[in-house]
Amino acid sequence: MKSFPKIELHLHLEGAAPPAFIRGLAAEKRIDLSAIMADDGGYRWRGFADFLRVYEAAASVIRGPRDYARLLETVLEGCAEQGAIYVELFVSPQFCGGGDLPAWRDHVAAMTETAAAMAAQGIDSRAIVTPLRHLGPDRARRGAICAAETGGGWVAGLGLAGDEKIGRPQDFAWSFDCAREAGLGLTCHAGEWAGPQSVRDALALGVTRIGHGVRAIEDAALVRELAERAITLEVCPGSNIALGLYPDTARHPVARLADAGVRVTVSTDDPPFFATTLSREYDRLADAFGWDAPDFTRMNLWAAEAAFCDAATRARLTGLLSPADGA
């Protein structure tokens, strides 16, 4: 499936860092990360709480605008190898300068330059500024201000990630109002570790997309609402399976959601942590549900419509998503 043109809407920048890249940065800075590296060269973690810990430990060696520009180039190169033509990346000001606006501006400037160079090579991208809910609403406000002050170019949206079991989306209403007033797209992680009510809570923030959202399947009325409102779900099957939400692809609800008329898209979340790639996700879905080129084309057209990009970019992406392109 590598040759099939793909749009990915849910990819965490630090979480997409190849372990070899992180090991290289750690060696440059003389930091010992052996405790989080597995013998097979991947990351070592066990359970969601430990995953968050290891994620933050790996991200701790990515320091400053130059490191983030290097990381973005590496990640986008990997996405292009998987057939991606457009990617939206979750990026947190907490990691990029500790929420300090001048430091965030420096990081954005460096990453924007890299993104432009990669777009010229055929892989376009945008950033979704992403406060971390387990750090609380006050820090989220700082992130939202960073988003509002740098939006309009590569920075195109605001999201909310982190530990879904801490607090409620409504606690972060100020941040979403700030981003909305700045003209940014809105998405929110929900319906992964928390149940269907978390999706309803996220919808109350005025989002047009939900990160994950798969547990909506437990509430038939909510599924109908998602379909009727054309809310797009950023579904990450491999992530859900690796973290133990579902036992395998065949029993993942993505196909049932799609059959119910919900706009589902497929992403990888934090692919090196979950031993997956974008084309591998497509292969598994094809094997489990018999999905073929028309199914994946429809899904990617939904992704293009939901993307937080300008109209010209959306039109270009739509033109590239031809039903004649095969796997």
C-alpha atoms as a PDB file:
ATOM      1  CA  MET A   1       0.000   0.000   0.000  1.00  0.00           C
ATOM      2  CA  LYS A   2       2.985   2.327  -0.034  1.00  0.00           C
ATOM      3  CA  SER A   3       2.132   3.677  -3.485  1.00  0.00           C
ATOM      4  CA  PHE A   4      -1.404   4.675  -2.494  1.00  0.00           C
ATOM      5  CA  PRO A   5      -1.621   8.457  -1.809  1.00  0.00           C
ATOM      6  CA  LYS A   6      -2.504   9.052   1.831  1.00  0.00           C
ATOM      7  CA  ILE A   7      -3.425  11.867   4.183  1.00  0.00           C
ATOM      8  CA  GLU A   8      -2.570  11.494   7.856  1.00  0.00           C
ATOM      9  CA  LEU A   9      -4.327  13.752  10.361  1.00  0.00           C
ATOM     10  CA  HIS A  10      -3.150  12.343  13.699  1.00  0.00           C
ATOM     11  CA  LEU A  11       0.608  12.094  14.193  1.00  0.00           C
ATOM     12  CA  HIS A  12       2.512  13.282  17.266  1.00  0.00           C
ATOM     13  CA  LEU A  13       5.808  14.803  16.186  1.00  0.00           C
ATOM     14  CA  GLU A  14       7.907  13.587  19.120  1.00  0.00           C
ATOM     15  CA  GLY A  15       6.041  10.277  19.124  1.00  0.00           C
ATOM     16  CA  ALA A  16       6.994   9.739  15.484  1.00  0.00           C
ATOM     17  CA  ALA A  17      10.713  10.134  16.221  1.00  0.00           C
ATOM     18  CA  PRO A  18      12.549   6.972  15.131  1.00  0.00           C
ATOM     19  CA  PRO A  19      14.403   5.403  18.081  1.00  0.00           C
ATOM     20  CA  ALA A  20      17.662   5.682  16.140  1.00  0.00           C
ATOM     21  CA  PHE A  21      17.131   9.439  15.845  1.00  0.00           C
ATOM     22  CA  ILE A  22      16.525   9.735  19.591  1.00  0.00           C
ATOM     23  CA  ARG A  23      19.546   7.569  20.380  1.00  0.00           C
ATOM     24  CA  GLY A  24      21.662   9.799  18.148  1.00  0.00           C
ATOM     25  CA  LEU A  25      20.528  12.974  19.913  1.00  0.00           C
ATOM     26  CA  ALA A  26      21.096  11.346  23.295  1.00  0.00           C
ATOM     27  CA  ALA A  27      24.628  10.381  22.287  1.00  0.00           C
ATOM     28  CA  GLU A  28      25.350  13.940  21.106  1.00  0.00           C
ATOM     29  CA  LYS A  29      24.199  15.268  24.480  1.00  0.00           C
ATOM     30  CA  ARG A  30      25.753  12.425  26.504  1.00  0.00           C
ATOM     31  CA  ILE A  31      22.406  11.402  27.959  1.00  0.00           C
ATOM     32  CA  ASP A  32      21.815   7.784  28.947  1.00  0.00           C
ATOM     33  CA  LEU A  33      18.455   6.556  27.637  1.00  0.00           C
ATOM     34  CA  SER A  34      19.200   2.836  27.966  1.00  0.00           C
ATOM     35  CA  ALA A  35      16.334   2.454  30.459  1.00  0.00           C
ATOM     36  CA  ILE A  36      13.728   3.261  27.795  1.00  0.00           C
ATOM     37  CA  MET A  37      15.317   1.435  24.855  1.00  0.00           C
ATOM     38  CA  ALA A  38      14.472  -2.199  24.129  1.00  0.00           C
ATOM     39  CA  ASP A  39      16.948  -4.805  22.948  1.00  0.00           C
ATOM     40  CA  ASP A  40      15.329  -4.857  19.506  1.00  0.00           C
ATOM     41  CA  GLY A  41      16.138  -1.165  19.015  1.00  0.00           C
ATOM     42  CA  GLY A  42      12.650   0.118  19.777  1.00  0.00           C
ATOM     43  CA  TYR A  43      11.207   1.849  22.823  1.00  0.00           C
ATOM     44  CA  ARG A  44      10.599  -0.072  26.059  1.00  0.00           C
ATOM     45  CA  TRP A  45       7.280   0.641  27.770  1.00  0.00           C
ATOM     46  CA  ARG A  46       4.425  -1.262  29.381  1.00  0.00           C
ATOM     47  CA  GLY A  47       0.903   0.119  29.669  1.00  0.00           C
ATOM     48  CA  PHE A  48      -0.416   3.590  28.922  1.00  0.00           C
ATOM     49  CA  ALA A  49       1.018   5.374  31.969  1.00  0.00           C
ATOM     50  CA  ASP A  50       4.472   3.973  31.228  1.00  0.00           C
ATOM     51  CA  PHE A  51       4.064   4.875  27.559  1.00  0.00           C
ATOM     52  CA  LEU A  52       3.548   8.536  28.554  1.00  0.00           C
ATOM     53  CA  ARG A  53       6.627   8.383  30.787  1.00  0.00           C
ATOM     54  CA  VAL A  54       8.823   6.910  28.063  1.00  0.00           C
ATOM     55  CA  TYR A  55       7.413   9.329  25.488  1.00  0.00           C
ATOM     56  CA  GLU A  56       8.405  12.314  27.636  1.00  0.00           C
ATOM     57  CA  ALA A  57      11.817  10.816  28.394  1.00  0.00           C
ATOM     58  CA  ALA A  58      12.513  10.369  24.676  1.00  0.00           C
ATOM     59  CA  ALA A  59      11.253  13.885  23.921  1.00  0.00           C
ATOM     60  CA  SER A  60      13.520  15.352  26.591  1.00  0.00           C
ATOM     61  CA  VAL A  61      16.584  15.013  24.357  1.00  0.00           C
ATOM     62  CA  ILE A  62      14.964  17.029  21.539  1.00  0.00           C
ATOM     63  CA  ARG A  63      16.073  20.492  22.542  1.00  0.00           C
ATOM     64  CA  GLY A  64      15.814  23.735  20.666  1.00  0.00           C
ATOM     65  CA  PRO A  65      14.704  24.823  17.200  1.00  0.00           C
ATOM     66  CA  ARG A  66      17.502  23.043  15.350  1.00  0.00           C
ATOM     67  CA  ASP A  67      16.671  19.658  16.900  1.00  0.00           C
ATOM     68  CA  TYR A  68      12.992  20.097  16.101  1.00  0.00           C
ATOM     69  CA  ALA A  69      13.730  21.080  12.520  1.00  0.00           C
ATOM     70  CA  ARG A  70      15.887  17.970  12.139  1.00  0.00           C
ATOM     71  CA  LEU A  71      13.157  15.849  13.682  1.00  0.00           C
ATOM     72  CA  LEU A  72      10.480  17.264  11.384  1.00  0.00           C
ATOM     73  CA  GLU A  73      12.589  16.546   8.316  1.00  0.00           C
ATOM     74  CA  THR A  74      13.200  12.963   9.466  1.00  0.00           C
ATOM     75  CA  VAL A  75       9.543  12.338  10.265  1.00  0.00           C
ATOM     76  CA  LEU A  76       8.239  13.812   7.015  1.00  0.00           C
ATOM     77  CA  GLU A  77      10.753  11.802   5.006  1.00  0.00           C
ATOM     78  CA  GLY A  78       9.408   8.680   6.701  1.00  0.00           C
ATOM     79  CA  CYS A  79       5.824   9.713   5.982  1.00  0.00           C
ATOM     80  CA  ALA A  80       6.620  10.264   2.311  1.00  0.00           C
ATOM     81  CA  GLU A  81       8.106   6.761   2.117  1.00  0.00           C
ATOM     82  CA  GLN A  82       4.727   5.458   3.280  1.00  0.00           C
ATOM     83  CA  GLY A  83       2.874   7.294   0.512  1.00  0.00           C
ATOM     84  CA  ALA A  84       1.711  10.276   2.551  1.00  0.00           C
ATOM     85  CA  ILE A  85       1.145  13.479   0.604  1.00  0.00           C
ATOM     86  CA  TYR A  86      -0.075  15.562   3.536  1.00  0.00           C
ATOM     87  CA  VAL A  87       0.392  15.196   7.287  1.00  0.00           C
ATOM     88  CA  GLU A  88      -0.871  17.093  10.312  1.00  0.00           C
ATOM     89  CA  LEU A  89       1.413  16.884  13.323  1.00  0.00           C
ATOM     90  CA  PHE A  90       0.633  17.458  16.978  1.00  0.00           C
ATOM     91  CA  VAL A  91       3.310  19.729  18.436  1.00  0.00           C
ATOM     92  CA  SER A  92       3.337  20.925  22.030  1.00  0.00           C
ATOM     93  CA  PRO A  93       4.779  24.289  23.137  1.00  0.00           C
ATOM     94  CA  GLN A  94       5.465  22.539  26.436  1.00  0.00           C
ATOM     95  CA  PHE A  95       8.218  20.573  24.690  1.00  0.00           C
ATOM     96  CA  CYS A  96       9.213  23.464  22.413  1.00  0.00           C
ATOM     97  CA  GLY A  97      10.401  26.062  24.895  1.00  0.00           C
ATOM     98  CA  GLY A  98       8.335  25.238  27.966  1.00  0.00           C
ATOM     99  CA  GLY A  99       5.347  27.273  26.829  1.00  0.00           C
ATOM    100  CA  ASP A 100       7.372  30.482  26.468  1.00  0.00           C
ATOM    101  CA  LEU A 101       6.018  32.442  23.478  1.00  0.00           C
ATOM    102  CA  PRO A 102       9.346  33.855  22.175  1.00  0.00           C
ATOM    103  CA  ALA A 103      10.932  30.391  22.401  1.00  0.00           C
ATOM    104  CA  TRP A 104       7.913  28.884  20.642  1.00  0.00           C
ATOM    105  CA  ARG A 105       8.225  31.455  17.850  1.00  0.00           C
ATOM    106  CA  ASP A 106      11.831  30.379  17.312  1.00  0.00           C
ATOM    107  CA  HIS A 107      10.805  26.736  17.123  1.00  0.00           C
ATOM    108  CA  VAL A 108       7.968  27.487  14.699  1.00  0.00           C
ATOM    109  CA  ALA A 109      10.256  29.531  12.458  1.00  0.00           C
ATOM    110  CA  ALA A 110      12.745  26.671  12.196  1.00  0.00           C
ATOM    111  CA  MET A 111      10.070  24.037  11.586  1.00  0.00           C
ATOM    112  CA  THR A 112       8.222  26.214   9.069  1.00  0.00           C
ATOM    113  CA  GLU A 113      11.391  26.529   7.004  1.00  0.00           C
ATOM    114  CA  THR A 114      11.843  22.769   7.052  1.00  0.00           C
ATOM    115  CA  ALA A 115       8.167  22.168   6.245  1.00  0.00           C
ATOM    116  CA  ALA A 116       8.408  24.445   3.206  1.00  0.00           C
ATOM    117  CA  ALA A 117      11.456  22.572   1.929  1.00  0.00           C
ATOM    118  CA  MET A 118       9.702  19.232   2.378  1.00  0.00           C
ATOM    119  CA  ALA A 119       6.523  20.506   0.694  1.00  0.00           C
ATOM    120  CA  ALA A 120       8.624  21.334  -2.345  1.00  0.00           C
ATOM    121  CA  GLN A 121       9.589  17.647  -2.369  1.00  0.00           C
ATOM    122  CA  GLY A 122       5.949  16.515  -2.348  1.00  0.00           C
ATOM    123  CA  ILE A 123       5.098  16.020   1.329  1.00  0.00           C
ATOM    124  CA  ASP A 124       3.026  18.899   2.736  1.00  0.00           C
ATOM    125  CA  SER A 125       2.283  19.382   6.441  1.00  0.00           C
ATOM    126  CA  ARG A 126       0.641  21.540   9.081  1.00  0.00           C
ATOM    127  CA  ALA A 127       1.035  21.783  12.857  1.00  0.00           C
ATOM    128  CA  ILE A 128      -1.685  21.377  15.466  1.00  0.00           C
ATOM    129  CA  VAL A 129      -0.620  23.036  18.698  1.00  0.00           C
ATOM    130  CA  THR A 130      -1.353  20.555  21.443  1.00  0.00           C
ATOM    131  CA  PRO A 131      -1.542  21.328  25.164  1.00  0.00           C
ATOM    132  CA  LEU A 132      -1.313  18.287  27.438  1.00  0.00           C
ATOM    133  CA  ARG A 133      -4.363  17.830  29.616  1.00  0.00           C
ATOM    134  CA  HIS A 134      -2.509  16.143  32.479  1.00  0.00           C
ATOM    135  CA  LEU A 135      -0.508  19.373  32.898  1.00  0.00           C
ATOM    136  CA  GLY A 136      -3.711  21.311  33.590  1.00  0.00           C
ATOM    137  CA  PRO A 137      -5.771  24.162  32.102  1.00  0.00           C
ATOM    138  CA  ASP A 138      -3.385  26.955  33.100  1.00  0.00           C
ATOM    139  CA  ARG A 139      -0.517  25.552  31.037  1.00  0.00           C
ATOM    140  CA  ALA A 140      -2.980  24.841  28.258  1.00  0.00           C
ATOM    141  CA  ARG A 141      -3.816  28.551  28.111  1.00  0.00           C
ATOM    142  CA  ARG A 142      -0.165  29.316  27.467  1.00  0.00           C
ATOM    143  CA  GLY A 143      -0.200  26.796  24.640  1.00  0.00           C
ATOM    144  CA  ALA A 144      -3.359  28.301  23.178  1.00  0.00           C
ATOM    145  CA  ILE A 145      -1.788  31.752  23.226  1.00  0.00           C
ATOM    146  CA  CYS A 146       1.240  30.324  21.425  1.00  0.00           C
ATOM    147  CA  ALA A 147      -1.108  28.862  18.814  1.00  0.00           C
ATOM    148  CA  ALA A 148      -3.081  32.077  18.370  1.00  0.00           C
ATOM    149  CA  GLU A 149       0.041  34.205  18.062  1.00  0.00           C
ATOM    150  CA  THR A 150       1.678  31.996  15.416  1.00  0.00           C
ATOM    151  CA  GLY A 151      -1.364  30.728  13.498  1.00  0.00           C
ATOM    152  CA  GLY A 152      -2.145  31.404   9.869  1.00  0.00           C
ATOM    153  CA  GLY A 153       0.721  29.572   8.202  1.00  0.00           C
ATOM    154  CA  TRP A 154       2.197  26.202   9.129  1.00  0.00           C
ATOM    155  CA  VAL A 155       0.450  26.392  12.516  1.00  0.00           C
ATOM    156  CA  ALA A 156      -3.149  25.607  11.598  1.00  0.00           C
ATOM    157  CA  GLY A 157      -4.974  24.136  14.573  1.00  0.00           C
ATOM    158  CA  LEU A 158      -5.323  23.467  18.286  1.00  0.00           C
ATOM    159  CA  GLY A 159      -5.823  20.083  19.871  1.00  0.00           C
ATOM    160  CA  LEU A 160      -5.745  18.530  23.327  1.00  0.00           C
ATOM    161  CA  ALA A 161      -3.741  15.407  24.113  1.00  0.00           C
ATOM    162  CA  GLY A 162      -2.265  13.710  27.164  1.00  0.00           C
ATOM    163  CA  ASP A 163      -3.932  11.535  29.780  1.00  0.00           C
ATOM    164  CA  GLU A 164      -7.608  11.434  28.783  1.00  0.00           C
ATOM    165  CA  LYS A 165      -8.644  10.209  32.221  1.00  0.00           C
ATOM    166  CA  ILE A 166      -7.587  13.475  33.899  1.00  0.00           C
ATOM    167  CA  GLY A 167     -10.135  16.297  33.940  1.00  0.00           C
ATOM    168  CA  ARG A 168     -12.761  16.998  31.279  1.00  0.00           C
ATOM    169  CA  PRO A 169     -12.522  18.809  27.943  1.00  0.00           C
ATOM    170  CA  GLN A 170     -14.691  21.617  29.340  1.00  0.00           C
ATOM    171  CA  ASP A 171     -11.845  22.486  31.705  1.00  0.00           C
ATOM    172  CA  PHE A 172      -9.987  23.706  28.625  1.00  0.00           C
ATOM    173  CA  ALA A 173     -12.800  25.788  27.105  1.00  0.00           C
ATOM    174  CA  TRP A 174     -10.814  29.039  27.383  1.00  0.00           C
ATOM    175  CA  SER A 175      -8.005  27.616  25.267  1.00  0.00           C
ATOM    176  CA  PHE A 176     -10.396  26.413  22.559  1.00  0.00           C
ATOM    177  CA  ASP A 177     -12.226  29.743  22.523  1.00  0.00           C
ATOM    178  CA  CYS A 178      -8.882  31.517  22.115  1.00  0.00           C
ATOM    179  CA  ALA A 179      -7.890  29.295  19.184  1.00  0.00           C
ATOM    180  CA  ARG A 180     -11.310  29.618  17.543  1.00  0.00           C
ATOM    181  CA  GLU A 181     -11.114  33.417  17.686  1.00  0.00           C
ATOM    182  CA  ALA A 182      -7.716  33.160  15.993  1.00  0.00           C
ATOM    183  CA  GLY A 183      -9.267  31.193  13.123  1.00  0.00           C
ATOM    184  CA  LEU A 184      -7.595  27.870  13.935  1.00  0.00           C
ATOM    185  CA  GLY A 185      -9.053  24.423  13.345  1.00  0.00           C
ATOM    186  CA  LEU A 186     -10.094  22.507  16.453  1.00  0.00           C
ATOM    187  CA  THR A 187      -9.696  18.855  17.401  1.00  0.00           C
ATOM    188  CA  CYS A 188      -9.544  16.988  20.701  1.00  0.00           C
ATOM    189  CA  HIS A 189      -8.420  13.558  21.873  1.00  0.00           C
ATOM    190  CA  ALA A 190     -11.490  11.781  23.280  1.00  0.00           C
ATOM    191  CA  GLY A 191     -13.234   8.433  23.240  1.00  0.00           C
ATOM    192  CA  GLU A 192     -10.046   6.426  23.604  1.00  0.00           C
ATOM    193  CA  TRP A 193      -9.454   5.752  27.301  1.00  0.00           C
ATOM    194  CA  ALA A 194     -12.591   7.584  28.402  1.00  0.00           C
ATOM    195  CA  GLY A 195     -16.027   6.515  27.216  1.00  0.00           C
ATOM    196  CA  PRO A 196     -18.578   8.045  24.851  1.00  0.00           C
ATOM    197  CA  GLN A 197     -19.357  10.946  27.197  1.00  0.00           C
ATOM    198  CA  SER A 198     -15.828  12.258  26.618  1.00  0.00           C
ATOM    199  CA  VAL A 199     -16.663  12.537  22.908  1.00  0.00           C
ATOM    200  CA  ARG A 200     -19.809  14.498  23.726  1.00  0.00           C
ATOM    201  CA  ASP A 201     -17.760  16.751  26.005  1.00  0.00           C
ATOM    202  CA  ALA A 202     -15.246  17.362  23.208  1.00  0.00           C
ATOM    203  CA  LEU A 203     -18.012  18.185  20.732  1.00  0.00           C
ATOM    204  CA  ALA A 204     -19.242  20.853  23.155  1.00  0.00           C
ATOM    205  CA  LEU A 205     -15.940  22.673  22.554  1.00  0.00           C
ATOM    206  CA  GLY A 206     -16.902  23.219  18.911  1.00  0.00           C
ATOM    207  CA  VAL A 207     -14.408  20.796  17.373  1.00  0.00           C
ATOM    208  CA  THR A 208     -14.860  19.465  13.844  1.00  0.00           C
ATOM    209  CA  ARG A 209     -12.658  16.427  14.479  1.00  0.00           C
ATOM    210  CA  ILE A 210     -12.104  13.949  17.292  1.00  0.00           C
ATOM    211  CA  GLY A 211      -8.752  12.319  17.962  1.00  0.00           C
ATOM    212  CA  HIS A 212      -9.488   8.577  18.212  1.00  0.00           C
ATOM    213  CA  GLY A 213     -13.187   8.703  19.194  1.00  0.00           C
ATOM    214  CA  VAL A 214     -13.585   4.958  18.727  1.00  0.00           C
ATOM    215  CA  ARG A 215     -15.510   4.369  21.948  1.00  0.00           C
ATOM    216  CA  ALA A 216     -18.371   6.328  20.428  1.00  0.00           C
ATOM    217  CA  ILE A 217     -19.362   2.930  19.056  1.00  0.00           C
ATOM    218  CA  GLU A 218     -20.730   2.145  22.530  1.00  0.00           C
ATOM    219  CA  ASP A 219     -23.457   4.799  22.131  1.00  0.00           C
ATOM    220  CA  ALA A 220     -25.717   4.390  19.085  1.00  0.00           C
ATOM    221  CA  ALA A 221     -27.192   7.876  19.423  1.00  0.00           C
ATOM    222  CA  LEU A 222     -23.727   9.390  19.503  1.00  0.00           C
ATOM    223  CA  VAL A 223     -22.715   7.452  16.397  1.00  0.00           C
ATOM    224  CA  ARG A 224     -25.749   8.857  14.585  1.00  0.00           C
ATOM    225  CA  GLU A 225     -24.861  12.367  15.748  1.00  0.00           C
ATOM    226  CA  LEU A 226     -21.277  12.037  14.504  1.00  0.00           C
ATOM    227  CA  ALA A 227     -22.550  10.873  11.122  1.00  0.00           C
ATOM    228  CA  GLU A 228     -25.220  13.573  10.826  1.00  0.00           C
ATOM    229  CA  ARG A 229     -22.799  16.349  11.788  1.00  0.00           C
ATOM    230  CA  ALA A 230     -20.024  15.003   9.508  1.00  0.00           C
ATOM    231  CA  ILE A 231     -17.571  14.954  12.412  1.00  0.00           C
ATOM    232  CA  THR A 232     -14.301  13.361  11.332  1.00  0.00           C
ATOM    233  CA  LEU A 233     -12.619  10.750  13.533  1.00  0.00           C
ATOM    234  CA  GLU A 234      -8.817  10.525  13.499  1.00  0.00           C
ATOM    235  CA  VAL A 235      -8.702   6.759  14.051  1.00  0.00           C
ATOM    236  CA  CYS A 236      -5.422   5.018  14.953  1.00  0.00           C
ATOM    237  CA  PRO A 237      -6.154   1.262  14.953  1.00  0.00           C
ATOM    238  CA  GLY A 238      -2.590   0.077  15.533  1.00  0.00           C
ATOM    239  CA  SER A 239      -2.204   2.387  18.501  1.00  0.00           C
ATOM    240  CA  ASN A 240      -5.489   1.199  20.030  1.00  0.00           C
ATOM    241  CA  ILE A 241      -4.461  -2.433  19.630  1.00  0.00           C
ATOM    242  CA  ALA A 242      -0.926  -1.940  20.967  1.00  0.00           C
ATOM    243  CA  LEU A 243      -2.309  -0.174  24.040  1.00  0.00           C
ATOM    244  CA  GLY A 244      -4.808  -2.977  24.679  1.00  0.00           C
ATOM    245  CA  LEU A 245      -8.110  -1.285  23.828  1.00  0.00           C
ATOM    246  CA  TYR A 246      -8.934  -3.952  21.242  1.00  0.00           C
ATOM    247  CA  PRO A 247      -7.398  -7.392  20.691  1.00  0.00           C
ATOM    248  CA  ASP A 248      -6.860  -7.145  16.927  1.00  0.00           C
ATOM    249  CA  THR A 249      -7.837  -5.263  13.785  1.00  0.00           C
ATOM    250  CA  ALA A 250     -10.798  -7.514  13.006  1.00  0.00           C
ATOM    251  CA  ARG A 251     -12.439  -6.562  16.312  1.00  0.00           C
ATOM    252  CA  HIS A 252     -11.606  -2.862  16.092  1.00  0.00           C
ATOM    253  CA  PRO A 253     -14.735  -0.697  15.591  1.00  0.00           C
ATOM    254  CA  VAL A 254     -13.405   1.392  12.689  1.00  0.00           C
ATOM    255  CA  ALA A 255     -15.363  -0.580  10.087  1.00  0.00           C
ATOM    256  CA  ARG A 256     -18.591  -0.478  12.108  1.00  0.00           C
ATOM    257  CA  LEU A 257     -18.222   3.283  12.486  1.00  0.00           C
ATOM    258  CA  ALA A 258     -17.669   3.688   8.745  1.00  0.00           C
ATOM    259  CA  ASP A 259     -20.643   1.430   7.959  1.00  0.00           C
ATOM    260  CA  ALA A 260     -22.759   3.684  10.206  1.00  0.00           C
ATOM    261  CA  GLY A 261     -21.834   6.707   8.087  1.00  0.00           C
ATOM    262  CA  VAL A 262     -19.165   8.194  10.354  1.00  0.00           C
ATOM    263  CA  ARG A 263     -16.266   9.861   8.557  1.00  0.00           C
ATOM    264  CA  VAL A 264     -13.257   7.826   9.645  1.00  0.00           C
ATOM    265  CA  THR A 265      -9.655   8.491   8.700  1.00  0.00           C
ATOM    266  CA  VAL A 266      -6.614   6.385   9.548  1.00  0.00           C
ATOM    267  CA  SER A 267      -3.401   7.533  11.209  1.00  0.00           C
ATOM    268  CA  THR A 268      -0.517   6.058  13.165  1.00  0.00           C
ATOM    269  CA  ASP A 269      -0.444   8.227  16.329  1.00  0.00           C
ATOM    270  CA  ASP A 270       3.092   7.354  17.562  1.00  0.00           C
ATOM    271  CA  PRO A 271       4.230   4.719  15.060  1.00  0.00           C
ATOM    272  CA  PRO A 272       7.654   3.660  16.422  1.00  0.00           C
ATOM    273  CA  PHE A 273       6.111   3.012  19.825  1.00  0.00           C
ATOM    274  CA  PHE A 274       3.432   0.775  18.303  1.00  0.00           C
ATOM    275  CA  ALA A 275       5.524  -1.045  15.683  1.00  0.00           C
ATOM    276  CA  THR A 276       3.447   0.275  12.809  1.00  0.00           C
ATOM    277  CA  THR A 277       3.585   2.400   9.676  1.00  0.00           C
ATOM    278  CA  LEU A 278       0.871   4.117   7.643  1.00  0.00           C
ATOM    279  CA  SER A 279       0.995   1.556   4.847  1.00  0.00           C
ATOM    280  CA  ARG A 280       0.935  -1.265   7.403  1.00  0.00           C
ATOM    281  CA  GLU A 281      -2.275   0.182   8.847  1.00  0.00           C
ATOM    282  CA  TYR A 282      -3.832   0.124   5.374  1.00  0.00           C
ATOM    283  CA  ASP A 283      -2.687  -3.440   4.757  1.00  0.00           C
ATOM    284  CA  ARG A 284      -4.205  -4.631   8.029  1.00  0.00           C
ATOM    285  CA  LEU A 285      -7.511  -2.899   7.299  1.00  0.00           C
ATOM    286  CA  ALA A 286      -7.615  -4.408   3.814  1.00  0.00           C
ATOM    287  CA  ASP A 287      -6.973  -7.865   5.241  1.00  0.00           C
ATOM    288  CA  ALA A 288      -9.461  -7.532   8.103  1.00  0.00           C
ATOM    289  CA  PHE A 289     -12.362  -5.844   6.311  1.00  0.00           C
ATOM    290  CA  GLY A 290     -11.775  -6.356   2.609  1.00  0.00           C
ATOM    291  CA  TRP A 291     -11.296  -2.634   2.042  1.00  0.00           C
ATOM    292  CA  ASP A 292      -9.874  -1.751  -1.360  1.00  0.00           C
ATOM    293  CA  ALA A 293      -8.882   1.319  -3.380  1.00  0.00           C
ATOM    294  CA  PRO A 294     -12.353   2.964  -3.509  1.00  0.00           C
ATOM    295  CA  ASP A 295     -12.762   2.575   0.263  1.00  0.00           C
ATOM    296  CA  PHE A 296      -9.384   4.114   0.982  1.00  0.00           C
ATOM    297  CA  THR A 297      -9.922   6.873  -1.566  1.00  0.00           C
ATOM    298  CA  ARG A 298     -13.200   7.838   0.104  1.00  0.00           C
ATOM    299  CA  MET A 299     -11.493   7.863   3.487  1.00  0.00           C
ATOM    300  CA  ASN A 300      -8.708  10.108   2.228  1.00  0.00           C
ATOM    301  CA  LEU A 301     -11.171  12.482   0.571  1.00  0.00           C
ATOM    302  CA  TRP A 302     -12.841  12.820   3.977  1.00  0.00           C
ATOM    303  CA  ALA A 303      -9.412  13.570   5.423  1.00  0.00           C
ATOM    304  CA  ALA A 304      -8.799  16.254   2.794  1.00  0.00           C
ATOM    305  CA  GLU A 305     -12.132  17.885   3.609  1.00  0.00           C
ATOM    306  CA  ALA A 306     -11.348  17.821   7.341  1.00  0.00           C
ATOM    307  CA  ALA A 307      -7.733  19.011   7.067  1.00  0.00           C
ATOM    308  CA  PHE A 308      -6.812  22.316   8.696  1.00  0.00           C
ATOM    309  CA  CYS A 309      -5.317  23.726   5.516  1.00  0.00           C
ATOM    310  CA  ASP A 310      -6.129  26.514   3.060  1.00  0.00           C
ATOM    311  CA  ALA A 311      -8.552  26.029   0.173  1.00  0.00           C
ATOM    312  CA  ALA A 312      -5.817  25.871  -2.468  1.00  0.00           C
ATOM    313  CA  THR A 313      -3.998  23.084  -0.629  1.00  0.00           C
ATOM    314  CA  ARG A 314      -7.261  21.202  -0.127  1.00  0.00           C
ATOM    315  CA  ALA A 315      -8.040  21.431  -3.842  1.00  0.00           C
ATOM    316  CA  ARG A 316      -4.566  20.178  -4.737  1.00  0.00           C
ATOM    317  CA  LEU A 317      -4.856  17.235  -2.344  1.00  0.00           C
ATOM    318  CA  THR A 318      -8.297  16.324  -3.659  1.00  0.00           C
ATOM    319  CA  GLY A 319      -6.894  16.299  -7.171  1.00  0.00           C
ATOM    320  CA  LEU A 320      -4.166  13.862  -6.139  1.00  0.00           C
ATOM    321  CA  LEU A 321      -6.610  11.439  -4.565  1.00  0.00           C
ATOM    322  CA  SER A 322      -7.701   9.689  -7.732  1.00  0.00           C
ATOM    323  CA  PRO A 323      -9.683   6.436  -7.631  1.00  0.00           C
ATOM    324  CA  ALA A 324      -7.388   5.208 -10.394  1.00  0.00           C
ATOM    325  CA  ASP A 325      -4.417   5.137  -8.008  1.00  0.00           C
ATOM    326  CA  GLY A 326      -4.022   1.622  -6.720  1.00  0.00           C
ATOM    327  CA  ALA A 327      -2.136  -0.193  -4.022  1.00  0.00           C
END
